[in-house]
């Protein structure tokens, strides 16, 4: 994984520090798009040590993928 990608992920993680959602007080298309964009990163690219350091992004990912919108539609998301 490149340093630029890591910096971008850290930036997203920091943006979610004091927020439940990316924009506003409910899930929006921005949250769905972010989650879709990081599915492969979460599964294949991010190493375990780095993944453990991005708690805010991990919590956001989990929250979005556990909604009814995602249940049963992205069987590959774990």
PDB file of N, CA and C in Angstrom:
ATOM      1  N   UNK A   1       0.850  -1.165   0.000  1.00  0.00           N
ATOM      2  CA  UNK A   1       0.000   0.000   0.000  1.00  0.00           C
ATOM      3  C   UNK A   1       0.901   1.235   0.000  1.00  0.00           C
ATOM      4  N   UNK A   2       0.554   2.202  -0.819  1.00  0.00           N
ATOM      5  CA  UNK A   2       1.381   3.393  -0.953  1.00  0.00           C
ATOM      6  C   UNK A   2       1.190   4.333   0.241  1.00  0.00           C
ATOM      7  N   UNK A   3       2.187   5.182   0.455  1.00  0.00           N
ATOM      8  CA  UNK A   3       2.107   6.163   1.538  1.00  0.00           C
ATOM      9  C   UNK A   3       0.957   7.127   1.334  1.00  0.00           C
ATOM     10  N   UNK A   4       0.695   7.525   0.082  1.00  0.00           N
ATOM     11  CA  UNK A   4      -0.402   8.452  -0.199  1.00  0.00           C
ATOM     12  C   UNK A   4      -1.745   7.828   0.169  1.00  0.00           C
ATOM     13  N   UNK A   5      -1.929   6.563  -0.153  1.00  0.00           N
ATOM     14  CA  UNK A   5      -3.164   5.874   0.197  1.00  0.00           C
ATOM     15  C   UNK A   5      -3.330   5.812   1.709  1.00  0.00           C
ATOM     16  N   UNK A   6      -2.253   5.495   2.419  1.00  0.00           N
ATOM     17  CA  UNK A   6      -2.313   5.460   3.881  1.00  0.00           C
ATOM     18  C   UNK A   6      -2.692   6.819   4.454  1.00  0.00           C
ATOM     19  N   UNK A   7      -2.112   7.876   3.913  1.00  0.00           N
ATOM     20  CA  UNK A   7      -2.425   9.231   4.395  1.00  0.00           C
ATOM     21  C   UNK A   7      -3.893   9.575   4.149  1.00  0.00           C
ATOM     22  N   UNK A   8      -4.418   9.181   2.999  1.00  0.00           N
ATOM     23  CA  UNK A   8      -5.828   9.431   2.693  1.00  0.00           C
ATOM     24  C   UNK A   8      -6.745   8.664   3.648  1.00  0.00           C
ATOM     25  N   UNK A   9      -6.392   7.435   3.940  1.00  0.00           N
ATOM     26  CA  UNK A   9      -7.186   6.633   4.871  1.00  0.00           C
ATOM     27  C   UNK A   9      -7.128   7.231   6.275  1.00  0.00           C
ATOM     28  N   UNK A  10      -5.952   7.674   6.691  1.00  0.00           N
ATOM     29  CA  UNK A  10      -5.818   8.314   8.001  1.00  0.00           C
ATOM     30  C   UNK A  10      -6.662   9.586   8.067  1.00  0.00           C
ATOM     31  N   UNK A  11      -6.698  10.334   6.983  1.00  0.00           N
ATOM     32  CA  UNK A  11      -7.490  11.551   6.923  1.00  0.00           C
ATOM     33  C   UNK A  11      -8.984  11.238   7.077  1.00  0.00           C
ATOM     34  N   UNK A  12      -9.452  10.217   6.377  1.00  0.00           N
ATOM     35  CA  UNK A  12     -10.846   9.789   6.523  1.00  0.00           C
ATOM     36  C   UNK A  12     -11.127   9.347   7.955  1.00  0.00           C
ATOM     37  N   UNK A  13     -10.206   8.587   8.514  1.00  0.00           N
ATOM     38  CA  UNK A  13     -10.352   8.120   9.886  1.00  0.00           C
ATOM     39  C   UNK A  13     -10.478   9.304  10.842  1.00  0.00           C
ATOM     40  N   UNK A  14      -9.628  10.307  10.680  1.00  0.00           N
ATOM     41  CA  UNK A  14      -9.680  11.495  11.537  1.00  0.00           C
ATOM     42  C   UNK A  14     -10.965  12.289  11.333  1.00  0.00           C
ATOM     43  N   UNK A  15     -11.467  12.325  10.103  1.00  0.00           N
ATOM     44  CA  UNK A  15     -12.713  13.044   9.810  1.00  0.00           C
ATOM     45  C   UNK A  15     -13.904  12.428  10.529  1.00  0.00           C
ATOM     46  N   UNK A  16     -13.821  11.142  10.781  1.00  0.00           N
ATOM     47  CA  UNK A  16     -14.933  10.434  11.432  1.00  0.00           C
ATOM     48  C   UNK A  16     -14.796  10.403  12.956  1.00  0.00           C
ATOM     49  N   UNK A  17     -13.762  11.023  13.483  1.00  0.00           N
ATOM     50  CA  UNK A  17     -13.467  10.942  14.917  1.00  0.00           C
ATOM     51  C   UNK A  17     -14.643  11.359  15.791  1.00  0.00           C
ATOM     52  N   UNK A  18     -15.246  12.467  15.519  1.00  0.00           N
ATOM     53  CA  UNK A  18     -16.336  12.976  16.353  1.00  0.00           C
ATOM     54  C   UNK A  18     -17.669  12.995  15.628  1.00  0.00           C
ATOM     55  N   UNK A  19     -17.799  12.149  14.618  1.00  0.00           N
ATOM     56  CA  UNK A  19     -19.028  12.102  13.820  1.00  0.00           C
ATOM     57  C   UNK A  19     -19.575  10.685  13.770  1.00  0.00           C
ATOM     58  N   UNK A  20     -20.872  10.619  13.682  1.00  0.00           N
ATOM     59  CA  UNK A  20     -21.497   9.323  13.463  1.00  0.00           C
ATOM     60  C   UNK A  20     -21.547   9.015  11.965  1.00  0.00           C
ATOM     61  N   UNK A  21     -21.783  10.057  11.158  1.00  0.00           N
ATOM     62  CA  UNK A  21     -21.886   9.916   9.704  1.00  0.00           C
ATOM     63  C   UNK A  21     -20.999  10.960   9.047  1.00  0.00           C
ATOM     64  N   UNK A  22     -20.694  10.790   7.788  1.00  0.00           N
ATOM     65  CA  UNK A  22     -19.849  11.751   7.082  1.00  0.00           C
ATOM     66  C   UNK A  22     -20.498  13.127   7.002  1.00  0.00           C
ATOM     67  N   UNK A  23     -21.801  13.145   6.718  1.00  0.00           N
ATOM     68  CA  UNK A  23     -22.522  14.409   6.542  1.00  0.00           C
ATOM     69  C   UNK A  23     -23.818  14.341   7.350  1.00  0.00           C
ATOM     70  N   UNK A  24     -24.013  15.258   8.257  1.00  0.00           N
ATOM     71  CA  UNK A  24     -25.269  15.335   8.984  1.00  0.00           C
ATOM     72  C   UNK A  24     -25.429  14.288  10.058  1.00  0.00           C
ATOM     73  N   UNK A  25     -26.693  14.039  10.405  1.00  0.00           N
ATOM     74  CA  UNK A  25     -27.006  13.159  11.529  1.00  0.00           C
ATOM     75  C   UNK A  25     -27.670  11.850  11.121  1.00  0.00           C
ATOM     76  N   UNK A  26     -27.634  11.555   9.832  1.00  0.00           N
ATOM     77  CA  UNK A  26     -28.145  10.270   9.362  1.00  0.00           C
ATOM     78  C   UNK A  26     -27.308   9.808   8.174  1.00  0.00           C
ATOM     79  N   UNK A  27     -27.406   8.526   7.878  1.00  0.00           N
ATOM     80  CA  UNK A  27     -26.643   7.974   6.767  1.00  0.00           C
ATOM     81  C   UNK A  27     -27.090   8.619   5.463  1.00  0.00           C
ATOM     82  N   UNK A  28     -26.113   8.962   4.629  1.00  0.00           N
ATOM     83  CA  UNK A  28     -26.393   9.551   3.322  1.00  0.00           C
ATOM     84  C   UNK A  28     -25.670   8.752   2.247  1.00  0.00           C
ATOM     85  N   UNK A  29     -25.858   9.175   1.020  1.00  0.00           N
ATOM     86  CA  UNK A  29     -25.168   8.559  -0.115  1.00  0.00           C
ATOM     87  C   UNK A  29     -23.651   8.627   0.081  1.00  0.00           C
ATOM     88  N   UNK A  30     -23.157   9.665   0.719  1.00  0.00           N
ATOM     89  CA  UNK A  30     -21.716   9.796   0.967  1.00  0.00           C
ATOM     90  C   UNK A  30     -21.204   8.628   1.802  1.00  0.00           C
ATOM     91  N   UNK A  31     -21.957   8.210   2.801  1.00  0.00           N
ATOM     92  CA  UNK A  31     -21.560   7.076   3.640  1.00  0.00           C
ATOM     93  C   UNK A  31     -21.560   5.782   2.838  1.00  0.00           C
ATOM     94  N   UNK A  32     -22.570   5.612   2.004  1.00  0.00           N
ATOM     95  CA  UNK A  32     -22.662   4.415   1.173  1.00  0.00           C
ATOM     96  C   UNK A  32     -21.510   4.378   0.172  1.00  0.00           C
ATOM     97  N   UNK A  33     -21.245   5.506  -0.478  1.00  0.00           N
ATOM     98  CA  UNK A  33     -20.151   5.571  -1.453  1.00  0.00           C
ATOM     99  C   UNK A  33     -18.794   5.286  -0.804  1.00  0.00           C
ATOM    100  N   UNK A  34     -18.558   5.855   0.370  1.00  0.00           N
ATOM    101  CA  UNK A  34     -17.302   5.590   1.071  1.00  0.00           C
ATOM    102  C   UNK A  34     -17.169   4.107   1.375  1.00  0.00           C
ATOM    103  N   UNK A  35     -18.230   3.521   1.859  1.00  0.00           N
ATOM    104  CA  UNK A  35     -18.192   2.096   2.201  1.00  0.00           C
ATOM    105  C   UNK A  35     -17.930   1.237   0.974  1.00  0.00           C
ATOM    106  N   UNK A  36     -18.604   1.535  -0.121  1.00  0.00           N
ATOM    107  CA  UNK A  36     -18.360   0.781  -1.354  1.00  0.00           C
ATOM    108  C   UNK A  36     -16.923   0.957  -1.836  1.00  0.00           C
ATOM    109  N   UNK A  37     -16.380   2.147  -1.650  1.00  0.00           N
ATOM    110  CA  UNK A  37     -15.013   2.424  -2.103  1.00  0.00           C
ATOM    111  C   UNK A  37     -13.967   1.680  -1.274  1.00  0.00           C
ATOM    112  N   UNK A  38     -14.280   1.383  -0.019  1.00  0.00           N
ATOM    113  CA  UNK A  38     -13.257   0.751   0.820  1.00  0.00           C
ATOM    114  C   UNK A  38     -13.474  -0.744   1.060  1.00  0.00           C
ATOM    115  N   UNK A  39     -14.474  -1.329   0.427  1.00  0.00           N
ATOM    116  CA  UNK A  39     -14.709  -2.772   0.586  1.00  0.00           C
ATOM    117  C   UNK A  39     -13.439  -3.559   0.276  1.00  0.00           C
ATOM    118  N   UNK A  40     -12.856  -3.348  -0.877  1.00  0.00           N
ATOM    119  CA  UNK A  40     -11.664  -4.097  -1.261  1.00  0.00           C
ATOM    120  C   UNK A  40     -10.476  -3.773  -0.358  1.00  0.00           C
ATOM    121  N   UNK A  41     -10.360  -2.515   0.035  1.00  0.00           N
ATOM    122  CA  UNK A  41      -9.282  -2.142   0.958  1.00  0.00           C
ATOM    123  C   UNK A  41      -9.395  -2.923   2.262  1.00  0.00           C
ATOM    124  N   UNK A  42     -10.592  -2.967   2.801  1.00  0.00           N
ATOM    125  CA  UNK A  42     -10.811  -3.674   4.066  1.00  0.00           C
ATOM    126  C   UNK A  42     -10.522  -5.169   3.923  1.00  0.00           C
ATOM    127  N   UNK A  43     -10.841  -5.746   2.798  1.00  0.00           N
ATOM    128  CA  UNK A  43     -10.693  -7.181   2.615  1.00  0.00           C
ATOM    129  C   UNK A  43      -9.282  -7.607   2.245  1.00  0.00           C
ATOM    130  N   UNK A  44      -8.633  -6.846   1.386  1.00  0.00           N
ATOM    131  CA  UNK A  44      -7.415  -7.358   0.757  1.00  0.00           C
ATOM    132  C   UNK A  44      -6.162  -6.512   0.919  1.00  0.00           C
ATOM    133  N   UNK A  45      -6.304  -5.220   0.998  1.00  0.00           N
ATOM    134  CA  UNK A  45      -5.134  -4.368   0.868  1.00  0.00           C
ATOM    135  C   UNK A  45      -4.573  -3.897   2.200  1.00  0.00           C
ATOM    136  N   UNK A  46      -5.438  -3.523   3.124  1.00  0.00           N
ATOM    137  CA  UNK A  46      -4.977  -2.967   4.391  1.00  0.00           C
ATOM    138  C   UNK A  46      -4.440  -4.090   5.270  1.00  0.00           C
ATOM    139  N   UNK A  47      -3.193  -3.944   5.724  1.00  0.00           N
ATOM    140  CA  UNK A  47      -2.622  -4.962   6.594  1.00  0.00           C
ATOM    141  C   UNK A  47      -3.223  -4.840   8.001  1.00  0.00           C
ATOM    142  N   UNK A  48      -3.110  -5.899   8.772  1.00  0.00           N
ATOM    143  CA  UNK A  48      -3.757  -5.988  10.075  1.00  0.00           C
ATOM    144  C   UNK A  48      -3.335  -4.870  11.019  1.00  0.00           C
ATOM    145  N   UNK A  49      -2.063  -4.564  11.095  1.00  0.00           N
ATOM    146  CA  UNK A  49      -1.597  -3.515  12.008  1.00  0.00           C
ATOM    147  C   UNK A  49      -2.180  -2.158  11.643  1.00  0.00           C
ATOM    148  N   UNK A  50      -2.187  -1.844  10.363  1.00  0.00           N
ATOM    149  CA  UNK A  50      -2.751  -0.565   9.932  1.00  0.00           C
ATOM    150  C   UNK A  50      -4.255  -0.546  10.160  1.00  0.00           C
ATOM    151  N   UNK A  51      -4.926  -1.643   9.849  1.00  0.00           N
ATOM    152  CA  UNK A  51      -6.375  -1.728  10.045  1.00  0.00           C
ATOM    153  C   UNK A  51      -6.726  -1.474  11.508  1.00  0.00           C
ATOM    154  N   UNK A  52      -5.938  -2.004  12.413  1.00  0.00           N
ATOM    155  CA  UNK A  52      -6.203  -1.812  13.836  1.00  0.00           C
ATOM    156  C   UNK A  52      -6.026  -0.362  14.277  1.00  0.00           C
ATOM    157  N   UNK A  53      -5.324   0.432  13.504  1.00  0.00           N
ATOM    158  CA  UNK A  53      -5.077   1.827  13.877  1.00  0.00           C
ATOM    159  C   UNK A  53      -6.145   2.795  13.360  1.00  0.00           C
ATOM    160  N   UNK A  54      -7.080   2.309  12.573  1.00  0.00           N
ATOM    161  CA  UNK A  54      -8.112   3.197  11.994  1.00  0.00           C
ATOM    162  C   UNK A  54      -9.493   2.842  12.550  1.00  0.00           C
ATOM    163  N   UNK A  55      -9.623   2.970  13.844  1.00  0.00           N
ATOM    164  CA  UNK A  55     -10.847   2.559  14.541  1.00  0.00           C
ATOM    165  C   UNK A  55     -12.095   3.297  14.080  1.00  0.00           C
ATOM    166  N   UNK A  56     -11.985   4.593  13.829  1.00  0.00           N
ATOM    167  CA  UNK A  56     -13.163   5.370  13.429  1.00  0.00           C
ATOM    168  C   UNK A  56     -13.697   4.905  12.075  1.00  0.00           C
ATOM    169  N   UNK A  57     -12.798   4.697  11.141  1.00  0.00           N
ATOM    170  CA  UNK A  57     -13.207   4.242   9.814  1.00  0.00           C
ATOM    171  C   UNK A  57     -13.761   2.820   9.882  1.00  0.00           C
ATOM    172  N   UNK A  58     -13.150   1.970  10.692  1.00  0.00           N
ATOM    173  CA  UNK A  58     -13.651   0.605  10.858  1.00  0.00           C
ATOM    174  C   UNK A  58     -15.055   0.593  11.453  1.00  0.00           C
ATOM    175  N   UNK A  59     -15.281   1.432  12.450  1.00  0.00           N
ATOM    176  CA  UNK A  59     -16.609   1.503  13.083  1.00  0.00           C
ATOM    177  C   UNK A  59     -17.649   2.007  12.087  1.00  0.00           C
ATOM    178  N   UNK A  60     -17.279   2.998  11.297  1.00  0.00           N
ATOM    179  CA  UNK A  60     -18.188   3.535  10.279  1.00  0.00           C
ATOM    180  C   UNK A  60     -18.510   2.456   9.245  1.00  0.00           C
ATOM    181  N   UNK A  61     -17.498   1.768   8.763  1.00  0.00           N
ATOM    182  CA  UNK A  61     -17.662   0.689   7.788  1.00  0.00           C
ATOM    183  C   UNK A  61     -18.628  -0.365   8.333  1.00  0.00           C
ATOM    184  N   UNK A  62     -18.409  -0.770   9.573  1.00  0.00           N
ATOM    185  CA  UNK A  62     -19.257  -1.799  10.187  1.00  0.00           C
ATOM    186  C   UNK A  62     -20.698  -1.307  10.328  1.00  0.00           C
ATOM    187  N   UNK A  63     -20.864  -0.070  10.765  1.00  0.00           N
ATOM    188  CA  UNK A  63     -22.200   0.487  10.960  1.00  0.00           C
ATOM    189  C   UNK A  63     -22.973   0.530   9.643  1.00  0.00           C
ATOM    190  N   UNK A  64     -22.315   0.957   8.579  1.00  0.00           N
ATOM    191  CA  UNK A  64     -22.991   1.057   7.280  1.00  0.00           C
ATOM    192  C   UNK A  64     -23.306  -0.332   6.733  1.00  0.00           C
ATOM    193  N   UNK A  65     -22.364  -1.254   6.821  1.00  0.00           N
ATOM    194  CA  UNK A  65     -22.588  -2.591   6.252  1.00  0.00           C
ATOM    195  C   UNK A  65     -23.596  -3.404   7.043  1.00  0.00           C
ATOM    196  N   UNK A  66     -23.922  -2.981   8.252  1.00  0.00           N
ATOM    197  CA  UNK A  66     -24.937  -3.687   9.039  1.00  0.00           C
ATOM    198  C   UNK A  66     -26.348  -3.132   8.829  1.00  0.00           C
ATOM    199  N   UNK A  67     -26.489  -2.121   7.996  1.00  0.00           N
ATOM    200  CA  UNK A  67     -27.817  -1.578   7.714  1.00  0.00           C
ATOM    201  C   UNK A  67     -28.562  -2.486   6.742  1.00  0.00           C
ATOM    202  N   UNK A  68     -29.873  -2.320   6.697  1.00  0.00           N
ATOM    203  CA  UNK A  68     -30.704  -3.123   5.793  1.00  0.00           C
ATOM    204  C   UNK A  68     -30.308  -2.945   4.329  1.00  0.00           C
ATOM    205  N   UNK A  69     -29.797  -1.775   3.973  1.00  0.00           N
ATOM    206  CA  UNK A  69     -29.379  -1.513   2.597  1.00  0.00           C
ATOM    207  C   UNK A  69     -28.311  -2.506   2.151  1.00  0.00           C
ATOM    208  N   UNK A  70     -27.425  -2.870   3.068  1.00  0.00           N
ATOM    209  CA  UNK A  70     -26.307  -3.740   2.717  1.00  0.00           C
ATOM    210  C   UNK A  70     -26.548  -5.208   3.018  1.00  0.00           C
ATOM    211  N   UNK A  71     -27.359  -5.514   3.987  1.00  0.00           N
ATOM    212  CA  UNK A  71     -27.564  -6.918   4.375  1.00  0.00           C
ATOM    213  C   UNK A  71     -28.043  -7.733   3.183  1.00  0.00           C
ATOM    214  N   UNK A  72     -27.349  -8.804   2.907  1.00  0.00           N
ATOM    215  CA  UNK A  72     -27.726  -9.691   1.825  1.00  0.00           C
ATOM    216  C   UNK A  72     -27.333  -9.223   0.433  1.00  0.00           C
ATOM    217  N   UNK A  73     -26.838  -8.019   0.312  1.00  0.00           N
ATOM    218  CA  UNK A  73     -26.477  -7.495  -1.019  1.00  0.00           C
ATOM    219  C   UNK A  73     -24.988  -7.536  -1.267  1.00  0.00           C
ATOM    220  N   UNK A  74     -24.208  -7.473  -0.218  1.00  0.00           N
ATOM    221  CA  UNK A  74     -22.757  -7.558  -0.354  1.00  0.00           C
ATOM    222  C   UNK A  74     -22.270  -8.730   0.484  1.00  0.00           C
ATOM    223  N   UNK A  75     -22.598  -9.919   0.065  1.00  0.00           N
ATOM    224  CA  UNK A  75     -22.219 -11.115   0.807  1.00  0.00           C
ATOM    225  C   UNK A  75     -20.732 -11.247   1.016  1.00  0.00           C
ATOM    226  N   UNK A  76     -19.949 -10.549   0.220  1.00  0.00           N
ATOM    227  CA  UNK A  76     -18.494 -10.638   0.344  1.00  0.00           C
ATOM    228  C   UNK A  76     -17.963  -9.768   1.476  1.00  0.00           C
ATOM    229  N   UNK A  77     -18.765  -8.851   1.993  1.00  0.00           N
ATOM    230  CA  UNK A  77     -18.307  -7.946   3.044  1.00  0.00           C
ATOM    231  C   UNK A  77     -18.367  -8.662   4.376  1.00  0.00           C
ATOM    232  N   UNK A  78     -17.260  -8.714   5.059  1.00  0.00           N
ATOM    233  CA  UNK A  78     -17.182  -9.381   6.372  1.00  0.00           C
ATOM    234  C   UNK A  78     -16.688  -8.396   7.391  1.00  0.00           C
TER     235      UNK A  78
END
